[in-house]
Amino acid sequence: MTDSPDVVMQRLHDDHAGALWGHCLRLTNHDRARAEDVCQETLLRAWRNASLLDETQGSVRAWLFTVARNIVIDESRTRRARSEIPMGDLPEPVSTGDASDELLMTWVVADAVTRLSPEHRAVLQQTYFKGRPVAEAARRLGIPEGTVKSRTHYALHALRLALEEMGVVA
């Protein structure tokens, strides 16, 4: 483009501003303020790189859309990086109350589990207390996955009944 920068930018704006605005709105989920910022930054970069805006080297609109997309991606990455909290900086949980109710409930549930059959206890221990997936629990117990699923279902039912017999109401 051999015209003056002002003429180039005016032509660029006249030819592509409407389409660029619509593209920026879609990129920002119709957040008008963000879309305006992205659109403005895209046109600013076009002004700074006017030498790249030669129609013989490719579509100017495609270049503008790519720049706008990259701006949105960069903003997202920056925002995500700022919102991440390093694991070493997590606050310790603050105990605000008496833990005796939780301790008592743990004992009651442990007592109820002892009333289950050995097969039901083994399945609950693998799936709930150790947090293993069904496939791994099946492998460790030497039984099919379907058996682990059905035993877990019936073990939870039996545990609920045992707790009810002990006077615990859900």
N, C-alpha and C. Protein backbone atom coordinates (compact mmCIF):
# COMPACT_ATOMS: atom_id res chain seq x y z
N MET A 1 0.85 -1.17 0.00
CA MET A 1 0.00 0.00 0.00
C MET A 1 0.90 1.24 0.00
N THR A 2 0.75 2.05 -1.03
CA THR A 2 1.62 3.22 -1.19
C THR A 2 0.96 4.50 -0.71
N ASP A 3 -0.27 4.44 -0.28
CA ASP A 3 -0.97 5.63 0.20
C ASP A 3 -0.45 6.03 1.58
N SER A 4 -0.85 7.22 2.00
CA SER A 4 -0.43 7.69 3.32
C SER A 4 -1.07 6.81 4.40
N PRO A 5 -0.46 6.76 5.58
CA PRO A 5 -1.01 5.92 6.65
C PRO A 5 -2.45 6.30 7.02
N ASP A 6 -2.78 7.59 6.96
CA ASP A 6 -4.15 8.01 7.28
C ASP A 6 -5.15 7.44 6.28
N VAL A 7 -4.80 7.50 5.00
CA VAL A 7 -5.69 6.99 3.96
C VAL A 7 -5.82 5.48 4.08
N VAL A 8 -4.71 4.81 4.35
CA VAL A 8 -4.73 3.35 4.50
C VAL A 8 -5.65 2.94 5.65
N MET A 9 -5.51 3.62 6.78
CA MET A 9 -6.32 3.27 7.95
C MET A 9 -7.80 3.60 7.71
N GLN A 10 -8.08 4.70 7.02
CA GLN A 10 -9.47 5.05 6.73
C GLN A 10 -10.08 3.99 5.82
N ARG A 11 -9.34 3.55 4.81
CA ARG A 11 -9.84 2.52 3.90
C ARG A 11 -10.01 1.19 4.64
N LEU A 12 -9.04 0.89 5.49
CA LEU A 12 -9.10 -0.34 6.29
C LEU A 12 -10.34 -0.33 7.18
N HIS A 13 -10.58 0.80 7.81
CA HIS A 13 -11.75 0.93 8.68
C HIS A 13 -13.04 0.82 7.88
N ASP A 14 -13.12 1.51 6.77
CA ASP A 14 -14.33 1.48 5.95
C ASP A 14 -14.63 0.08 5.42
N ASP A 15 -13.58 -0.65 5.04
CA ASP A 15 -13.77 -1.97 4.42
C ASP A 15 -14.00 -3.09 5.44
N HIS A 16 -13.41 -2.99 6.61
CA HIS A 16 -13.39 -4.15 7.50
C HIS A 16 -13.91 -3.93 8.92
N ALA A 17 -14.20 -2.71 9.32
CA ALA A 17 -14.57 -2.45 10.72
C ALA A 17 -15.84 -3.18 11.14
N GLY A 18 -16.85 -3.21 10.30
CA GLY A 18 -18.10 -3.88 10.66
C GLY A 18 -17.90 -5.37 10.86
N ALA A 19 -17.21 -6.01 9.94
CA ALA A 19 -16.96 -7.45 10.05
C ALA A 19 -16.05 -7.74 11.25
N LEU A 20 -15.06 -6.88 11.46
CA LEU A 20 -14.15 -7.07 12.60
C LEU A 20 -14.92 -6.93 13.91
N TRP A 21 -15.81 -5.95 13.98
CA TRP A 21 -16.61 -5.75 15.19
C TRP A 21 -17.47 -7.00 15.49
N GLY A 22 -18.11 -7.53 14.48
CA GLY A 22 -18.91 -8.75 14.66
C GLY A 22 -18.06 -9.92 15.10
N HIS A 23 -16.89 -10.05 14.52
CA HIS A 23 -15.97 -11.13 14.88
C HIS A 23 -15.53 -10.99 16.34
N CYS A 24 -15.20 -9.76 16.74
CA CYS A 24 -14.76 -9.52 18.12
C CYS A 24 -15.88 -9.79 19.11
N LEU A 25 -17.11 -9.46 18.74
CA LEU A 25 -18.25 -9.77 19.61
C LEU A 25 -18.39 -11.27 19.82
N ARG A 26 -18.26 -12.03 18.74
CA ARG A 26 -18.35 -13.49 18.86
C ARG A 26 -17.20 -14.05 19.70
N LEU A 27 -16.00 -13.52 19.51
CA LEU A 27 -14.84 -14.00 20.27
C LEU A 27 -14.98 -13.75 21.77
N THR A 28 -15.68 -12.69 22.14
CA THR A 28 -15.79 -12.31 23.55
C THR A 28 -17.15 -12.67 24.14
N ASN A 29 -17.89 -13.56 23.47
CA ASN A 29 -19.22 -13.97 23.95
C ASN A 29 -20.14 -12.76 24.14
N HIS A 30 -20.06 -11.84 23.23
CA HIS A 30 -20.91 -10.65 23.18
C HIS A 30 -20.70 -9.70 24.36
N ASP A 31 -19.50 -9.71 24.91
CA ASP A 31 -19.12 -8.74 25.94
C ASP A 31 -18.67 -7.49 25.18
N ARG A 32 -19.52 -6.49 25.12
CA ARG A 32 -19.27 -5.31 24.28
C ARG A 32 -18.01 -4.57 24.69
N ALA A 33 -17.76 -4.44 25.98
CA ALA A 33 -16.57 -3.70 26.43
C ALA A 33 -15.30 -4.42 25.99
N ARG A 34 -15.27 -5.73 26.20
CA ARG A 34 -14.08 -6.50 25.78
C ARG A 34 -13.95 -6.48 24.26
N ALA A 35 -15.07 -6.57 23.55
CA ALA A 35 -15.03 -6.56 22.08
C ALA A 35 -14.47 -5.24 21.57
N GLU A 36 -14.88 -4.13 22.21
CA GLU A 36 -14.34 -2.82 21.82
C GLU A 36 -12.83 -2.77 22.03
N ASP A 37 -12.37 -3.29 23.17
CA ASP A 37 -10.93 -3.30 23.45
C ASP A 37 -10.17 -4.14 22.44
N VAL A 38 -10.71 -5.32 22.12
CA VAL A 38 -10.04 -6.20 21.16
C VAL A 38 -10.02 -5.56 19.78
N CYS A 39 -11.14 -4.97 19.38
CA CYS A 39 -11.23 -4.31 18.08
C CYS A 39 -10.24 -3.15 17.99
N GLN A 40 -10.19 -2.35 19.04
CA GLN A 40 -9.28 -1.21 19.06
C GLN A 40 -7.82 -1.68 19.02
N GLU A 41 -7.48 -2.70 19.79
CA GLU A 41 -6.11 -3.21 19.80
C GLU A 41 -5.75 -3.81 18.44
N THR A 42 -6.70 -4.46 17.79
CA THR A 42 -6.45 -5.04 16.46
C THR A 42 -6.16 -3.93 15.45
N LEU A 43 -6.97 -2.87 15.48
CA LEU A 43 -6.73 -1.77 14.54
C LEU A 43 -5.43 -1.03 14.87
N LEU A 44 -5.08 -0.94 16.14
CA LEU A 44 -3.81 -0.32 16.51
C LEU A 44 -2.64 -1.13 15.96
N ARG A 45 -2.73 -2.45 16.07
CA ARG A 45 -1.67 -3.30 15.53
C ARG A 45 -1.62 -3.21 14.00
N ALA A 46 -2.78 -3.06 13.38
CA ALA A 46 -2.80 -2.89 11.93
C ALA A 46 -2.11 -1.58 11.55
N TRP A 47 -2.35 -0.52 12.31
CA TRP A 47 -1.70 0.77 12.04
C TRP A 47 -0.19 0.66 12.21
N ARG A 48 0.24 -0.05 13.26
CA ARG A 48 1.68 -0.22 13.51
C ARG A 48 2.34 -1.09 12.44
N ASN A 49 1.57 -2.00 11.84
CA ASN A 49 2.12 -2.92 10.85
C ASN A 49 1.49 -2.70 9.49
N ALA A 50 1.31 -1.45 9.11
CA ALA A 50 0.65 -1.12 7.84
C ALA A 50 1.36 -1.74 6.64
N SER A 51 2.66 -1.95 6.76
CA SER A 51 3.41 -2.53 5.64
C SER A 51 2.99 -3.98 5.37
N LEU A 52 2.42 -4.66 6.37
CA LEU A 52 1.98 -6.04 6.18
C LEU A 52 0.62 -6.15 5.52
N LEU A 53 -0.08 -5.04 5.43
CA LEU A 53 -1.45 -5.06 4.95
C LEU A 53 -1.53 -4.86 3.44
N ASP A 54 -0.89 -5.69 2.72
CA ASP A 54 -0.88 -5.64 1.26
C ASP A 54 -1.77 -6.76 0.74
N GLU A 55 -2.82 -6.42 0.00
CA GLU A 55 -3.77 -7.40 -0.50
C GLU A 55 -3.10 -8.46 -1.39
N THR A 56 -1.97 -8.11 -1.99
CA THR A 56 -1.29 -9.08 -2.85
C THR A 56 -0.64 -10.19 -2.04
N GLN A 57 -0.43 -9.96 -0.73
CA GLN A 57 0.21 -10.98 0.11
C GLN A 57 -0.82 -11.81 0.88
N GLY A 58 -2.08 -11.52 0.74
CA GLY A 58 -3.11 -12.27 1.44
C GLY A 58 -4.24 -11.35 1.85
N SER A 59 -5.26 -11.95 2.39
CA SER A 59 -6.44 -11.21 2.79
C SER A 59 -6.17 -10.37 4.04
N VAL A 60 -6.48 -9.08 3.94
CA VAL A 60 -6.31 -8.18 5.08
C VAL A 60 -7.32 -8.56 6.16
N ARG A 61 -8.54 -8.91 5.76
CA ARG A 61 -9.56 -9.28 6.73
C ARG A 61 -9.13 -10.52 7.51
N ALA A 62 -8.56 -11.50 6.83
CA ALA A 62 -8.08 -12.71 7.52
C ALA A 62 -6.99 -12.34 8.52
N TRP A 63 -6.11 -11.42 8.13
CA TRP A 63 -5.04 -10.97 9.04
C TRP A 63 -5.65 -10.31 10.27
N LEU A 64 -6.64 -9.45 10.06
CA LEU A 64 -7.29 -8.76 11.17
C LEU A 64 -7.99 -9.74 12.10
N PHE A 65 -8.71 -10.71 11.52
CA PHE A 65 -9.42 -11.70 12.34
C PHE A 65 -8.43 -12.55 13.14
N THR A 66 -7.31 -12.91 12.54
CA THR A 66 -6.30 -13.70 13.24
C THR A 66 -5.70 -12.91 14.38
N VAL A 67 -5.40 -11.65 14.14
CA VAL A 67 -4.84 -10.81 15.20
C VAL A 67 -5.85 -10.68 16.35
N ALA A 68 -7.11 -10.46 16.05
CA ALA A 68 -8.14 -10.34 17.09
C ALA A 68 -8.25 -11.63 17.89
N ARG A 69 -8.25 -12.74 17.20
CA ARG A 69 -8.32 -14.05 17.88
C ARG A 69 -7.12 -14.23 18.80
N ASN A 70 -5.93 -13.90 18.33
CA ASN A 70 -4.73 -14.03 19.15
C ASN A 70 -4.77 -13.12 20.38
N ILE A 71 -5.34 -11.94 20.23
CA ILE A 71 -5.46 -11.02 21.37
C ILE A 71 -6.36 -11.64 22.44
N VAL A 72 -7.48 -12.21 22.02
CA VAL A 72 -8.41 -12.84 22.98
C VAL A 72 -7.74 -14.03 23.66
N ILE A 73 -7.01 -14.83 22.91
CA ILE A 73 -6.31 -15.98 23.48
C ILE A 73 -5.26 -15.51 24.48
N ASP A 74 -4.50 -14.49 24.12
CA ASP A 74 -3.48 -13.97 25.04
C ASP A 74 -4.10 -13.43 26.32
N GLU A 75 -5.23 -12.72 26.21
CA GLU A 75 -5.92 -12.21 27.40
C GLU A 75 -6.37 -13.36 28.29
N SER A 76 -6.90 -14.40 27.69
CA SER A 76 -7.37 -15.55 28.45
C SER A 76 -6.21 -16.22 29.18
N ARG A 77 -5.09 -16.39 28.50
CA ARG A 77 -3.93 -17.01 29.15
C ARG A 77 -3.41 -16.15 30.29
N THR A 78 -3.38 -14.85 30.09
CA THR A 78 -2.89 -13.95 31.14
C THR A 78 -3.83 -13.97 32.33
N ARG A 79 -5.12 -13.95 32.08
CA ARG A 79 -6.11 -13.96 33.17
C ARG A 79 -6.01 -15.27 33.95
N ARG A 80 -5.84 -16.40 33.23
CA ARG A 80 -5.74 -17.69 33.90
C ARG A 80 -4.47 -17.76 34.73
N ALA A 81 -3.38 -17.23 34.22
CA ALA A 81 -2.12 -17.26 34.96
C ALA A 81 -2.23 -16.43 36.23
N ARG A 82 -2.95 -15.31 36.17
CA ARG A 82 -3.11 -14.46 37.35
C ARG A 82 -4.02 -15.09 38.39
N SER A 83 -4.98 -15.91 37.93
CA SER A 83 -5.95 -16.47 38.87
C SER A 83 -5.47 -17.76 39.52
N GLU A 84 -4.39 -18.34 39.02
CA GLU A 84 -3.88 -19.58 39.61
C GLU A 84 -3.17 -19.27 40.91
N ILE A 85 -3.38 -20.13 41.90
CA ILE A 85 -2.75 -19.96 43.21
C ILE A 85 -1.72 -21.07 43.37
N PRO A 86 -0.47 -20.71 43.62
CA PRO A 86 0.53 -21.76 43.84
C PRO A 86 0.16 -22.62 45.04
N MET A 87 0.43 -23.90 44.98
CA MET A 87 0.03 -24.82 46.04
C MET A 87 0.67 -24.48 47.38
N GLY A 88 1.87 -23.93 47.37
CA GLY A 88 2.54 -23.59 48.62
C GLY A 88 1.87 -22.43 49.34
N ASP A 89 1.03 -21.67 48.64
CA ASP A 89 0.41 -20.49 49.23
C ASP A 89 -1.02 -20.71 49.70
N LEU A 90 -1.52 -21.94 49.60
CA LEU A 90 -2.89 -22.18 50.03
C LEU A 90 -3.00 -22.05 51.54
N PRO A 91 -4.03 -21.40 52.01
CA PRO A 91 -4.19 -21.25 53.46
C PRO A 91 -4.59 -22.58 54.09
N GLU A 92 -4.18 -22.77 55.30
CA GLU A 92 -4.56 -23.95 56.05
C GLU A 92 -6.03 -23.82 56.44
N PRO A 93 -6.78 -24.92 56.40
CA PRO A 93 -8.18 -24.84 56.81
C PRO A 93 -8.28 -24.46 58.29
N VAL A 94 -9.18 -23.57 58.56
CA VAL A 94 -9.37 -23.08 59.91
C VAL A 94 -10.50 -23.87 60.56
N SER A 95 -10.23 -24.46 61.67
CA SER A 95 -11.25 -25.19 62.41
C SER A 95 -12.00 -24.19 63.28
N THR A 96 -13.27 -24.02 63.00
CA THR A 96 -14.05 -23.01 63.72
C THR A 96 -14.92 -23.61 64.80
N GLY A 97 -15.09 -24.92 64.78
CA GLY A 97 -16.02 -25.48 65.75
C GLY A 97 -15.46 -26.72 66.42
N ASP A 98 -16.30 -27.31 67.20
CA ASP A 98 -15.97 -28.52 67.92
C ASP A 98 -16.06 -29.70 66.95
N ALA A 99 -15.04 -30.54 66.90
CA ALA A 99 -15.01 -31.66 65.98
C ALA A 99 -15.56 -32.93 66.62
N SER A 100 -16.14 -32.84 67.78
CA SER A 100 -16.62 -34.04 68.48
C SER A 100 -17.77 -34.71 67.73
N ASP A 101 -18.66 -33.93 67.10
CA ASP A 101 -19.76 -34.53 66.35
C ASP A 101 -19.23 -35.34 65.17
N GLU A 102 -18.24 -34.79 64.48
CA GLU A 102 -17.65 -35.49 63.35
C GLU A 102 -16.94 -36.76 63.82
N LEU A 103 -16.23 -36.70 64.92
CA LEU A 103 -15.54 -37.85 65.48
C LEU A 103 -16.53 -38.93 65.89
N LEU A 104 -17.61 -38.53 66.53
CA LEU A 104 -18.63 -39.47 66.94
C LEU A 104 -19.26 -40.15 65.74
N MET A 105 -19.56 -39.38 64.69
CA MET A 105 -20.15 -39.96 63.48
C MET A 105 -19.18 -40.94 62.82
N THR A 106 -17.89 -40.64 62.85
CA THR A 106 -16.88 -41.55 62.29
C THR A 106 -16.92 -42.88 63.03
N TRP A 107 -17.02 -42.84 64.35
CA TRP A 107 -17.08 -44.08 65.14
C TRP A 107 -18.35 -44.86 64.84
N VAL A 108 -19.47 -44.17 64.71
CA VAL A 108 -20.74 -44.84 64.43
C VAL A 108 -20.69 -45.52 63.07
N VAL A 109 -20.17 -44.84 62.07
CA VAL A 109 -20.08 -45.42 60.73
C VAL A 109 -19.12 -46.61 60.75
N ALA A 110 -18.00 -46.48 61.45
CA ALA A 110 -17.04 -47.59 61.54
C ALA A 110 -17.70 -48.81 62.20
N ASP A 111 -18.49 -48.58 63.22
CA ASP A 111 -19.19 -49.68 63.88
C ASP A 111 -20.21 -50.31 62.93
N ALA A 112 -20.91 -49.49 62.17
CA ALA A 112 -21.90 -50.01 61.22
C ALA A 112 -21.22 -50.82 60.12
N VAL A 113 -20.05 -50.40 59.68
CA VAL A 113 -19.32 -51.13 58.63
C VAL A 113 -18.94 -52.52 59.13
N THR A 114 -18.62 -52.65 60.41
CA THR A 114 -18.25 -53.98 60.94
C THR A 114 -19.42 -54.95 60.89
N ARG A 115 -20.65 -54.44 60.78
CA ARG A 115 -21.83 -55.30 60.72
C ARG A 115 -22.10 -55.82 59.31
N LEU A 116 -21.34 -55.35 58.32
CA LEU A 116 -21.52 -55.80 56.94
C LEU A 116 -20.79 -57.12 56.71
N SER A 117 -21.17 -57.79 55.62
CA SER A 117 -20.47 -59.02 55.25
C SER A 117 -19.04 -58.67 54.82
N PRO A 118 -18.12 -59.63 54.89
CA PRO A 118 -16.74 -59.36 54.49
C PRO A 118 -16.62 -58.89 53.03
N GLU A 119 -17.47 -59.42 52.15
CA GLU A 119 -17.43 -59.02 50.74
C GLU A 119 -17.85 -57.55 50.59
N HIS A 120 -18.91 -57.17 51.30
CA HIS A 120 -19.37 -55.78 51.23
C HIS A 120 -18.35 -54.83 51.84
N ARG A 121 -17.76 -55.23 52.97
CA ARG A 121 -16.72 -54.38 53.58
C ARG A 121 -15.54 -54.18 52.63
N ALA A 122 -15.12 -55.26 51.98
CA ALA A 122 -13.96 -55.19 51.08
C ALA A 122 -14.24 -54.24 49.91
N VAL A 123 -15.44 -54.32 49.34
CA VAL A 123 -15.78 -53.45 48.21
C VAL A 123 -15.84 -52.00 48.65
N LEU A 124 -16.48 -51.73 49.80
CA LEU A 124 -16.54 -50.35 50.28
C LEU A 124 -15.16 -49.81 50.63
N GLN A 125 -14.32 -50.65 51.19
CA GLN A 125 -12.97 -50.21 51.54
C GLN A 125 -12.21 -49.79 50.28
N GLN A 126 -12.34 -50.57 49.22
CA GLN A 126 -11.62 -50.26 47.99
C GLN A 126 -12.18 -49.03 47.28
N THR A 127 -13.50 -48.96 47.16
CA THR A 127 -14.10 -47.90 46.35
C THR A 127 -14.30 -46.59 47.10
N TYR A 128 -14.73 -46.65 48.35
CA TYR A 128 -15.02 -45.41 49.08
C TYR A 128 -13.86 -44.95 49.96
N PHE A 129 -13.36 -45.84 50.78
CA PHE A 129 -12.35 -45.42 51.74
C PHE A 129 -10.98 -45.20 51.09
N LYS A 130 -10.65 -45.99 50.07
CA LYS A 130 -9.37 -45.82 49.38
C LYS A 130 -9.52 -45.06 48.08
N GLY A 131 -10.76 -44.82 47.66
CA GLY A 131 -11.04 -44.00 46.49
C GLY A 131 -10.59 -44.59 45.17
N ARG A 132 -10.56 -45.89 45.07
CA ARG A 132 -10.09 -46.52 43.84
C ARG A 132 -11.24 -46.63 42.83
N PRO A 133 -10.92 -46.52 41.54
CA PRO A 133 -11.95 -46.72 40.52
C PRO A 133 -12.42 -48.18 40.51
N VAL A 134 -13.57 -48.43 39.91
CA VAL A 134 -14.16 -49.76 39.89
C VAL A 134 -13.21 -50.78 39.27
N ALA A 135 -12.55 -50.39 38.17
CA ALA A 135 -11.66 -51.33 37.48
C ALA A 135 -10.51 -51.76 38.39
N GLU A 136 -9.92 -50.82 39.09
CA GLU A 136 -8.80 -51.16 39.98
C GLU A 136 -9.28 -51.97 41.18
N ALA A 137 -10.44 -51.61 41.73
CA ALA A 137 -10.99 -52.37 42.85
C ALA A 137 -11.26 -53.81 42.42
N ALA A 138 -11.80 -53.99 41.23
CA ALA A 138 -12.07 -55.34 40.71
C ALA A 138 -10.78 -56.13 40.56
N ARG A 139 -9.75 -55.48 40.05
CA ARG A 139 -8.47 -56.16 39.88
C ARG A 139 -7.90 -56.56 41.23
N ARG A 140 -7.94 -55.67 42.21
CA ARG A 140 -7.38 -55.96 43.53
C ARG A 140 -8.18 -57.03 44.28
N LEU A 141 -9.49 -57.05 44.07
CA LEU A 141 -10.33 -58.04 44.75
C LEU A 141 -10.44 -59.35 43.98
N GLY A 142 -10.02 -59.33 42.71
CA GLY A 142 -10.07 -60.54 41.90
C GLY A 142 -11.48 -60.92 41.49
N ILE A 143 -12.33 -59.92 41.27
CA ILE A 143 -13.71 -60.17 40.85
C ILE A 143 -14.02 -59.27 39.65
N PRO A 144 -15.06 -59.59 38.88
CA PRO A 144 -15.43 -58.75 37.73
C PRO A 144 -15.90 -57.36 38.16
N GLU A 145 -15.76 -56.41 37.24
CA GLU A 145 -16.17 -55.03 37.51
C GLU A 145 -17.66 -54.94 37.83
N GLY A 146 -18.48 -55.69 37.12
CA GLY A 146 -19.91 -55.68 37.37
C GLY A 146 -20.23 -56.15 38.79
N THR A 147 -19.47 -57.11 39.28
CA THR A 147 -19.67 -57.59 40.64
C THR A 147 -19.32 -56.50 41.65
N VAL A 148 -18.24 -55.74 41.35
CA VAL A 148 -17.87 -54.63 42.24
C VAL A 148 -19.01 -53.61 42.28
N LYS A 149 -19.58 -53.31 41.13
CA LYS A 149 -20.66 -52.33 41.09
C LYS A 149 -21.88 -52.81 41.87
N SER A 150 -22.29 -54.05 41.65
CA SER A 150 -23.49 -54.54 42.34
C SER A 150 -23.23 -54.69 43.83
N ARG A 151 -22.04 -55.17 44.22
CA ARG A 151 -21.74 -55.29 45.65
C ARG A 151 -21.69 -53.93 46.32
N THR A 152 -21.17 -52.94 45.60
CA THR A 152 -21.14 -51.59 46.16
C THR A 152 -22.55 -51.09 46.41
N HIS A 153 -23.42 -51.31 45.45
CA HIS A 153 -24.82 -50.90 45.60
C HIS A 153 -25.44 -51.55 46.83
N TYR A 154 -25.32 -52.88 46.92
CA TYR A 154 -25.94 -53.60 48.03
C TYR A 154 -25.23 -53.32 49.35
N ALA A 155 -23.93 -53.07 49.32
CA ALA A 155 -23.20 -52.74 50.54
C ALA A 155 -23.67 -51.39 51.09
N LEU A 156 -23.88 -50.42 50.23
CA LEU A 156 -24.37 -49.12 50.68
C LEU A 156 -25.79 -49.25 51.24
N HIS A 157 -26.59 -50.08 50.61
CA HIS A 157 -27.95 -50.31 51.12
C HIS A 157 -27.89 -50.97 52.50
N ALA A 158 -27.03 -51.97 52.66
CA ALA A 158 -26.88 -52.65 53.94
C ALA A 158 -26.32 -51.70 55.00
N LEU A 159 -25.40 -50.83 54.60
CA LEU A 159 -24.83 -49.86 55.54
C LEU A 159 -25.90 -48.88 55.99
N ARG A 160 -26.74 -48.44 55.08
CA ARG A 160 -27.83 -47.54 55.44
C ARG A 160 -28.78 -48.20 56.44
N LEU A 161 -29.09 -49.47 56.20
CA LEU A 161 -29.97 -50.20 57.13
C LEU A 161 -29.31 -50.36 58.50
N ALA A 162 -28.01 -50.67 58.50
CA ALA A 162 -27.28 -50.83 59.76
C ALA A 162 -27.28 -49.52 60.54
N LEU A 163 -27.10 -48.41 59.86
CA LEU A 163 -27.11 -47.10 60.53
C LEU A 163 -28.49 -46.79 61.08
N GLU A 164 -29.54 -47.15 60.33
CA GLU A 164 -30.90 -46.92 60.81
C GLU A 164 -31.18 -47.75 62.07
N GLU A 165 -30.68 -49.00 62.07
CA GLU A 165 -30.86 -49.87 63.24
C GLU A 165 -30.14 -49.29 64.46
N MET A 166 -29.07 -48.56 64.21
CA MET A 166 -28.29 -47.96 65.30
C MET A 166 -28.90 -46.62 65.74
N GLY A 167 -29.95 -46.20 65.06
CA GLY A 167 -30.62 -44.96 65.46
C GLY A 167 -30.15 -43.73 64.71
N VAL A 168 -29.32 -43.91 63.70
CA VAL A 168 -28.84 -42.77 62.90
C VAL A 168 -29.85 -42.52 61.79
N VAL A 169 -30.37 -41.32 61.73
CA VAL A 169 -31.37 -40.96 60.71
C VAL A 169 -30.72 -40.00 59.73
N ALA A 170 -30.89 -40.30 58.44
CA ALA A 170 -30.28 -39.44 57.41
C ALA A 170 -31.02 -38.17 57.24
